Amino acid sequence: MEQQAVLPIKQKANPWRRAAYIGSGLGLVAANAFYGLSSYIIWRAMHPPKIALKKHPENYGIKTEEVHFPSSDGLTLKGWWMPVEGSRKTVIFSHAYGLNRYNMPFPIFDLVKVFQSQGYSVLMYDFRNAGESDGNETTIALKEQLDLNGAIDFVKNEKEMDHIVLMGWSMGASTSLLAGCMHEDIKGIIADSPFASLDTYVMDSFQYWTKLPRFIGRVSSYVTKLNFLGFKPHLVKPIEMVRQAEDKKILIIHAKNDPAISCTESERMKQANDCIHLWQPEMGGHIEAYRLNKKEYEDRLVSFLSECR
């Protein structure tokens, strides 16, 4: 007898399984899109464009030496050394994120003259990946500490300075707190508009800097912990350093209306260390307190310097 082939019974498609496949596929596409966007945001943050130096101190009648020195990890950093003859006191200026030693939103050379009037030579330098210095990435006060350490070694060893004060703005302010609290021979730290902890600050200010929804910032925060880009905000915590530096002279300046870094960042550090001098001018925006409160700013600096012995 001739046998007939047995055909398989065609099963009905399960609509729920099909929906699950589609949903999984769309979820994977969305996850990859957010991951890619987060990676791009982090990469952009670490690669701000370099701004050229547009002015020179000698245009303002300030005697200046062009200098260069290595960071602690070997990058060549460039700067200006503006000496006061016969003085062994110096202040090191550290600039804000995305700027350089000159391009700041206030008359920086007026401030140089204030310090020189108090007997302080001034070192202004470019962080890595800024101005004329080497390097191709910015790490927002992580590796910048190595740059400031190099600047401290330079004024101590090359210029034979034994009385050193640090002053910084924004990223430079936080870097000054981090590095300065670790050096016993730093006599004082002046921090204008610092953040207390980079990981929480990134979340709080994400919308301000990127104009993107906050939840994307949370995804980006997760991506940074993978560390594949070298950006590690959870390791940058000035508040932990100032908490342990009750014997260090510290002046923090932070305008109450700062839209970029909330003044609560500095208030948190004051709570962690009640010995900190905290001045919160009503006007100032972000690192503009000097421009808008020039006389009081200078008076407070001079008063603070008198305490740094």
Protein backbone atom coordinates (compact mmCIF):
# COMPACT_ATOMS: atom_id res chain seq x y z
CA MET A 1 0.00 0.00 0.00
CA GLU A 2 1.30 3.43 -0.89
CA GLN A 3 2.07 5.57 2.16
CA GLN A 4 1.21 9.23 2.11
CA ALA A 5 3.46 11.89 3.59
CA VAL A 6 2.35 13.26 6.92
CA LEU A 7 2.31 17.06 6.77
CA PRO A 8 3.01 19.01 9.98
CA ILE A 9 0.06 20.72 11.50
CA LYS A 10 0.41 24.49 11.07
CA GLN A 11 0.24 26.13 14.47
CA LYS A 12 -1.50 29.39 14.97
CA ALA A 13 0.84 32.32 15.61
CA ASN A 14 0.86 33.48 19.25
CA PRO A 15 0.18 37.23 19.16
CA TRP A 16 1.63 37.71 22.65
CA ARG A 17 4.91 36.05 21.74
CA ARG A 18 5.16 38.17 18.62
CA ALA A 19 4.50 41.32 20.66
CA ALA A 20 7.18 40.23 23.13
CA TYR A 21 9.72 39.83 20.32
CA ILE A 22 8.87 43.23 18.91
CA GLY A 23 8.97 44.83 22.35
CA SER A 24 12.34 43.26 23.13
CA GLY A 25 13.74 44.45 19.83
CA LEU A 26 12.49 48.00 20.36
CA GLY A 27 13.81 47.96 23.92
CA LEU A 28 17.23 46.88 22.71
CA VAL A 29 17.25 49.62 20.07
CA ALA A 30 16.23 52.22 22.70
CA ALA A 31 18.87 50.99 25.15
CA ASN A 32 21.57 51.20 22.51
CA ALA A 33 20.37 54.67 21.51
CA PHE A 34 20.50 55.95 25.10
CA TYR A 35 23.88 54.29 25.62
CA GLY A 36 25.24 55.90 22.48
CA LEU A 37 23.80 59.31 23.38
CA SER A 38 25.20 59.06 26.92
CA SER A 39 28.62 58.10 25.60
CA TYR A 40 28.57 61.04 23.20
CA ILE A 41 27.57 63.46 25.98
CA ILE A 42 30.44 62.22 28.16
CA TRP A 43 32.89 62.42 25.27
CA ARG A 44 31.83 66.00 24.49
CA ALA A 45 32.21 66.97 28.15
CA MET A 46 35.77 65.61 28.13
CA HIS A 47 36.70 67.36 24.87
CA PRO A 48 35.66 71.03 25.07
CA PRO A 49 37.17 73.13 22.28
CA LYS A 50 40.40 74.93 23.09
CA ILE A 51 40.17 78.72 23.26
CA ALA A 52 43.13 80.78 22.08
CA LEU A 53 44.86 83.25 24.39
CA LYS A 54 43.83 86.74 23.26
CA LYS A 55 45.74 88.99 25.67
CA HIS A 56 49.10 89.06 27.43
CA PRO A 57 49.92 90.47 30.89
CA GLU A 58 52.53 92.82 29.46
CA ASN A 59 49.71 94.58 27.58
CA TYR A 60 48.61 95.65 31.06
CA GLY A 61 52.05 96.69 32.30
CA ILE A 62 52.75 93.46 34.20
CA LYS A 63 56.28 92.04 33.92
CA THR A 64 55.87 88.45 32.76
CA GLU A 65 57.95 85.35 32.08
CA GLU A 66 56.66 82.63 29.75
CA VAL A 67 57.07 79.32 31.60
CA HIS A 68 56.37 75.63 31.15
CA PHE A 69 56.50 72.72 33.58
CA PRO A 70 55.31 69.10 33.76
CA SER A 71 52.14 67.85 35.36
CA SER A 72 52.57 64.99 37.80
CA ASP A 73 51.87 62.53 34.96
CA GLY A 74 54.26 64.13 32.49
CA LEU A 75 52.17 66.49 30.32
CA THR A 76 53.73 69.83 29.43
CA LEU A 77 51.74 72.74 30.85
CA LYS A 78 52.30 76.36 29.89
CA GLY A 79 51.75 79.53 31.85
CA TRP A 80 52.79 83.03 32.88
CA TRP A 81 54.98 83.81 35.87
CA MET A 82 54.48 87.36 37.17
CA PRO A 83 57.02 87.93 39.95
CA VAL A 84 57.27 90.37 42.81
CA GLU A 85 60.96 91.05 43.36
CA GLY A 86 62.32 89.85 46.69
CA SER A 87 59.12 88.03 47.72
CA ARG A 88 58.84 84.31 48.45
CA LYS A 89 55.05 84.41 48.50
CA THR A 90 53.00 83.28 45.52
CA VAL A 91 49.44 82.56 44.46
CA ILE A 92 48.55 80.00 41.79
CA PHE A 93 45.46 80.74 39.66
CA SER A 94 43.48 77.75 38.29
CA HIS A 95 40.91 78.54 35.61
CA ALA A 96 37.37 77.30 34.97
CA TYR A 97 36.18 74.45 32.74
CA GLY A 98 36.39 75.12 29.01
CA LEU A 99 38.38 78.34 29.47
CA ASN A 100 42.08 79.11 29.89
CA ARG A 101 44.43 81.19 32.03
CA TYR A 102 43.27 84.47 30.45
CA ASN A 103 39.73 83.94 29.10
CA MET A 104 37.67 84.44 32.23
CA PRO A 105 34.49 86.54 32.60
CA PHE A 106 36.14 89.23 34.73
CA PRO A 107 39.25 91.46 34.60
CA ILE A 108 41.81 88.83 35.58
CA PHE A 109 44.84 91.14 35.38
CA ASP A 110 43.24 93.57 37.84
CA LEU A 111 43.15 90.65 40.25
CA VAL A 112 46.83 89.89 39.53
CA LYS A 113 47.69 93.46 40.57
CA VAL A 114 45.72 93.06 43.82
CA PHE A 115 47.81 90.04 44.79
CA GLN A 116 51.05 91.71 43.74
CA SER A 117 50.17 94.71 45.92
CA GLN A 118 50.14 92.25 48.85
CA GLY A 119 53.58 90.91 47.92
CA TYR A 120 52.42 87.81 46.02
CA SER A 121 54.02 86.68 42.77
CA VAL A 122 51.38 85.14 40.50
CA LEU A 123 51.42 81.95 38.41
CA MET A 124 48.68 81.61 35.81
CA TYR A 125 48.69 78.38 33.79
CA ASP A 126 46.53 76.34 31.45
CA PHE A 127 45.10 73.01 32.59
CA ARG A 128 45.58 70.00 30.30
CA ASN A 129 43.58 70.26 27.07
CA ALA A 130 43.27 74.04 27.48
CA GLY A 131 45.05 77.10 26.14
CA GLU A 132 48.60 76.20 25.13
CA SER A 133 49.04 73.13 27.35
CA ASP A 134 49.34 69.53 26.16
CA GLY A 135 46.68 66.88 26.60
CA ASN A 136 43.54 65.94 24.69
CA GLU A 137 40.93 65.43 27.38
CA THR A 138 39.42 67.29 30.31
CA THR A 139 38.42 65.27 33.39
CA ILE A 140 36.73 68.02 35.44
CA ALA A 141 39.05 68.13 38.49
CA LEU A 142 40.21 64.50 38.48
CA LYS A 143 43.48 64.56 36.52
CA GLU A 144 43.56 68.35 36.78
CA GLN A 145 44.81 67.76 40.31
CA LEU A 146 47.97 66.38 38.70
CA ASP A 147 48.31 69.65 36.78
CA LEU A 148 48.00 71.75 39.93
CA ASN A 149 50.45 69.46 41.74
CA GLY A 150 52.90 70.18 38.91
CA ALA A 151 52.32 73.92 39.33
CA ILE A 152 52.95 73.67 43.09
CA ASP A 153 56.19 71.75 42.50
CA PHE A 154 57.25 74.37 39.93
CA VAL A 155 56.88 77.38 42.23
CA LYS A 156 58.50 75.52 45.13
CA ASN A 157 61.46 74.02 43.28
CA GLU A 158 62.07 76.33 40.33
CA LYS A 159 61.01 79.66 41.86
CA GLU A 160 61.90 78.80 45.48
CA MET A 161 58.59 79.98 46.90
CA ASP A 162 57.81 78.87 50.46
CA HIS A 163 54.47 80.64 51.05
CA ILE A 164 51.85 79.36 48.58
CA VAL A 165 48.16 80.25 48.26
CA LEU A 166 45.83 78.64 45.71
CA MET A 167 42.96 80.38 43.97
CA GLY A 168 40.58 78.80 41.47
CA TRP A 169 37.25 79.27 39.74
CA SER A 170 34.57 76.62 39.12
CA MET A 171 36.48 73.45 38.09
CA GLY A 172 39.68 75.22 39.12
CA ALA A 173 38.14 76.03 42.51
CA SER A 174 37.27 72.39 43.17
CA THR A 175 40.72 71.32 41.95
CA SER A 176 42.33 73.83 44.33
CA LEU A 177 40.36 72.39 47.25
CA LEU A 178 41.27 68.82 46.32
CA ALA A 179 44.99 69.45 45.80
CA GLY A 180 45.41 72.16 48.42
CA CYS A 181 43.95 70.13 51.27
CA MET A 182 46.50 67.38 50.55
CA HIS A 183 49.53 69.71 50.70
CA GLU A 184 50.63 70.69 54.20
CA ASP A 185 52.64 73.64 52.89
CA ILE A 186 49.67 75.39 51.20
CA LYS A 187 48.92 78.38 53.41
CA GLY A 188 45.44 79.12 52.09
CA ILE A 189 42.83 78.24 49.45
CA ILE A 190 40.40 80.65 47.76
CA ALA A 191 37.66 78.81 45.84
CA ASP A 192 35.21 80.78 43.71
CA SER A 193 32.08 78.78 42.78
CA PRO A 194 33.24 75.21 43.44
CA PHE A 195 31.18 72.02 43.40
CA ALA A 196 31.19 69.77 46.47
CA SER A 197 30.87 66.41 44.73
CA LEU A 198 31.07 65.95 40.96
CA ASP A 199 28.69 63.00 40.71
CA THR A 200 25.81 64.76 42.46
CA TYR A 201 26.62 68.06 40.75
CA VAL A 202 26.48 66.41 37.30
CA MET A 203 22.99 65.14 38.05
CA ASP A 204 21.76 68.45 39.49
CA SER A 205 23.10 70.54 36.58
CA PHE A 206 22.57 68.11 33.69
CA GLN A 207 19.61 69.99 32.21
CA TYR A 208 21.39 73.36 32.54
CA TRP A 209 24.43 72.24 30.53
CA THR A 210 22.81 69.90 27.97
CA LYS A 211 19.18 71.11 27.68
CA LEU A 212 18.20 67.42 27.76
CA PRO A 213 15.76 65.63 30.12
CA ARG A 214 17.07 64.68 33.54
CA PHE A 215 16.45 60.93 33.04
CA ILE A 216 19.05 60.92 30.26
CA GLY A 217 21.45 62.28 32.84
CA ARG A 218 20.73 59.24 35.01
CA VAL A 219 21.60 56.95 32.11
CA SER A 220 24.77 58.95 31.51
CA SER A 221 25.63 58.68 35.20
CA TYR A 222 25.37 54.89 34.94
CA VAL A 223 27.56 54.84 31.84
CA THR A 224 30.31 56.83 33.60
CA LYS A 225 30.62 54.06 36.19
CA LEU A 226 31.71 51.69 33.42
CA ASN A 227 34.86 53.85 33.28
CA PHE A 228 35.61 53.03 29.65
CA LEU A 229 35.95 56.73 28.85
CA GLY A 230 38.13 57.56 31.85
CA PHE A 231 35.51 59.94 33.27
CA LYS A 232 35.01 59.09 36.96
CA PRO A 233 32.90 61.72 38.72
CA HIS A 234 32.33 59.50 41.75
CA LEU A 235 36.05 59.96 42.58
CA VAL A 236 35.93 63.78 42.59
CA LYS A 237 34.65 64.85 46.02
CA PRO A 238 36.13 68.11 47.37
CA ILE A 239 33.70 67.92 50.30
CA GLU A 240 35.50 64.87 51.65
CA MET A 241 38.83 66.70 51.56
CA VAL A 242 37.59 69.88 53.28
CA ARG A 243 35.86 67.78 55.93
CA GLN A 244 39.30 66.63 57.09
CA ALA A 245 41.07 70.01 56.73
CA GLU A 246 39.92 72.00 59.75
CA ASP A 247 43.41 73.49 60.17
CA LYS A 248 43.50 74.82 56.58
CA LYS A 249 42.64 78.44 55.80
CA ILE A 250 39.82 78.31 53.22
CA LEU A 251 37.73 81.09 51.70
CA ILE A 252 34.80 80.06 49.46
CA ILE A 253 33.04 82.66 47.33
CA HIS A 254 29.73 81.63 45.77
CA ALA A 255 27.02 83.92 44.42
CA LYS A 256 23.52 83.10 45.60
CA ASN A 257 22.14 83.30 42.05
CA ASP A 258 24.73 81.04 40.39
CA PRO A 259 22.79 79.18 37.64
CA ALA A 260 25.58 76.76 36.74
CA ILE A 261 26.75 75.47 40.13
CA SER A 262 24.21 75.96 42.90
CA CYS A 263 25.41 77.86 45.95
CA THR A 264 24.14 74.89 47.99
CA GLU A 265 27.31 73.06 46.88
CA SER A 266 29.41 75.52 48.88
CA GLU A 267 26.91 75.55 51.75
CA ARG A 268 27.36 71.78 52.05
CA MET A 269 31.12 72.25 52.40
CA LYS A 270 30.61 74.94 55.04
CA GLN A 271 28.45 72.45 56.96
CA ALA A 272 31.20 69.82 56.62
CA ASN A 273 33.85 72.25 57.91
CA ASP A 274 32.63 75.19 59.96
CA CYS A 275 36.10 76.80 59.85
CA ILE A 276 35.55 77.71 56.18
CA HIS A 277 34.94 81.39 55.44
CA LEU A 278 31.91 81.47 53.12
CA TRP A 279 30.91 84.67 51.32
CA GLN A 280 27.70 84.58 49.26
CA PRO A 281 27.22 87.85 47.36
CA GLU A 282 23.71 88.60 46.14
CA MET A 283 25.00 89.35 42.62
CA GLY A 284 27.51 87.27 40.72
CA GLY A 285 26.09 84.62 38.42
CA HIS A 286 28.69 81.95 37.73
CA ILE A 287 32.25 83.14 38.53
CA GLU A 288 31.21 86.76 37.97
CA ALA A 289 31.28 87.89 41.59
CA TYR A 290 34.51 89.81 41.05
CA ARG A 291 33.16 91.76 38.08
CA LEU A 292 29.93 92.67 39.88
CA ASN A 293 31.28 93.19 43.41
CA LYS A 294 34.82 94.37 42.62
CA LYS A 295 35.63 96.49 45.68
CA GLU A 296 34.20 94.09 48.27
CA TYR A 297 35.78 91.11 46.48
CA GLU A 298 39.22 92.74 46.64
CA ASP A 299 38.76 93.79 50.28
CA ARG A 300 37.80 90.26 51.29
CA LEU A 301 40.81 88.79 49.47
CA VAL A 302 43.22 91.19 51.18
CA SER A 303 41.67 90.43 54.58
CA PHE A 304 41.91 86.68 53.97
CA LEU A 305 45.55 86.92 52.84
CA SER A 306 46.42 88.64 56.11
CA GLU A 307 45.29 85.46 57.90
CA CYS A 308 47.38 83.13 55.73
CA ARG A 309 50.62 82.98 57.65
